[in-house]
């Protein structure tokens, strides 16, 4: 679970852990890359609108790695409908 909003990341991680999932949490793009390389999750919930390294760049970097080629990447965002419409095509091509 990756989100620069610590409370949002922690709450979702807590819910997933309650359901029996093994969860690691990161609060930024660079931290997410390091954690993903070490933890090698099957699935990554990733905030798109993070400062410094946004979720799109994290996705690109993960996909460049042999261990990240088959990882499921799911966008998590607080953006409204306009942000989704503008960014929708980018997610499809990542």
Protein backbone atom coordinates (compact mmCIF):
# COMPACT_ATOMS: atom_id res chain seq x y z
CA UNK A 1 0.00 0.00 0.00
CA UNK A 2 1.51 3.30 -1.10
CA UNK A 3 0.06 6.71 -0.31
CA UNK A 4 1.68 9.98 0.73
CA UNK A 5 -1.30 10.56 3.02
CA UNK A 6 -0.13 8.48 5.97
CA UNK A 7 -3.58 8.14 7.55
CA UNK A 8 -5.13 6.86 4.32
CA UNK A 9 -2.34 4.32 3.80
CA UNK A 10 -2.44 3.12 7.39
CA UNK A 11 -6.22 2.71 7.48
CA UNK A 12 -6.33 0.69 4.26
CA UNK A 13 -3.35 -1.40 5.35
CA UNK A 14 -5.06 -2.12 8.67
CA UNK A 15 -8.24 -3.26 6.89
CA UNK A 16 -6.26 -5.54 4.56
CA UNK A 17 -4.33 -7.02 7.49
CA UNK A 18 -7.61 -7.72 9.29
CA UNK A 19 -8.65 -9.75 6.24
CA UNK A 20 -5.49 -11.84 6.56
CA UNK A 21 -3.29 -10.20 3.94
CA UNK A 22 0.43 -9.59 4.44
CA UNK A 23 0.76 -5.82 3.97
CA UNK A 24 3.71 -3.44 3.75
CA UNK A 25 3.17 0.32 3.70
CA UNK A 26 5.17 3.07 2.00
CA UNK A 27 4.49 6.83 2.05
CA UNK A 28 6.24 7.98 -1.12
CA UNK A 29 7.44 6.89 -4.54
CA UNK A 30 11.08 6.16 -3.78
CA UNK A 31 10.16 4.34 -0.58
CA UNK A 32 7.61 2.32 -2.60
CA UNK A 33 10.25 1.20 -5.11
CA UNK A 34 12.61 0.06 -2.37
CA UNK A 35 9.84 -1.77 -0.50
CA UNK A 36 8.51 -3.43 -3.69
CA UNK A 37 11.96 -4.68 -4.62
CA UNK A 38 12.47 -6.16 -1.15
CA UNK A 39 8.92 -7.42 -0.47
CA UNK A 40 7.99 -8.44 -4.06
CA UNK A 41 4.21 -8.18 -3.61
CA UNK A 42 1.76 -9.84 -5.98
CA UNK A 43 -0.35 -6.68 -5.90
CA UNK A 44 0.44 -3.03 -5.21
CA UNK A 45 -2.16 -0.41 -4.29
CA UNK A 46 -0.61 2.85 -5.39
CA UNK A 47 -1.62 6.48 -4.97
CA UNK A 48 -1.26 8.37 -8.26
CA UNK A 49 -1.00 11.96 -7.02
CA UNK A 50 2.10 11.85 -4.82
CA UNK A 51 4.73 14.61 -4.68
CA UNK A 52 8.31 14.08 -5.91
CA UNK A 53 7.73 10.73 -7.64
CA UNK A 54 4.09 10.22 -8.63
CA UNK A 55 2.37 6.88 -9.00
CA UNK A 56 2.78 6.82 -12.79
CA UNK A 57 6.56 7.04 -12.45
CA UNK A 58 6.56 4.37 -9.76
CA UNK A 59 4.62 2.10 -12.16
CA UNK A 60 7.10 2.76 -14.96
CA UNK A 61 10.06 1.98 -12.72
CA UNK A 62 8.49 -1.22 -11.39
CA UNK A 63 7.66 -2.44 -14.90
CA UNK A 64 11.31 -2.03 -15.91
CA UNK A 65 12.33 -4.63 -13.33
CA UNK A 66 12.09 -8.37 -14.03
CA UNK A 67 10.37 -8.86 -10.64
CA UNK A 68 7.78 -6.18 -11.48
CA UNK A 69 6.67 -7.35 -14.92
CA UNK A 70 3.76 -9.45 -13.63
CA UNK A 71 2.91 -7.47 -10.51
CA UNK A 72 -0.68 -6.21 -10.35
CA UNK A 73 -0.67 -2.41 -10.01
CA UNK A 74 -3.90 -0.79 -8.85
CA UNK A 75 -4.34 2.97 -8.85
CA UNK A 76 -5.72 4.55 -5.70
CA UNK A 77 -6.56 8.23 -6.00
CA UNK A 78 -8.52 11.02 -4.43
CA UNK A 79 -8.71 12.86 -7.75
CA UNK A 80 -12.15 13.76 -9.05
CA UNK A 81 -13.69 12.76 -12.37
CA UNK A 82 -11.63 15.30 -14.35
CA UNK A 83 -8.36 13.82 -13.13
CA UNK A 84 -9.55 10.32 -13.94
CA UNK A 85 -10.64 11.28 -17.46
CA UNK A 86 -7.36 13.02 -18.23
CA UNK A 87 -5.19 10.23 -16.81
CA UNK A 88 -7.23 7.20 -17.89
CA UNK A 89 -5.32 6.62 -21.13
CA UNK A 90 -1.96 6.84 -19.35
CA UNK A 91 -2.92 4.02 -16.97
CA UNK A 92 -3.94 1.80 -19.86
CA UNK A 93 -0.55 2.21 -21.52
CA UNK A 94 1.59 1.57 -18.44
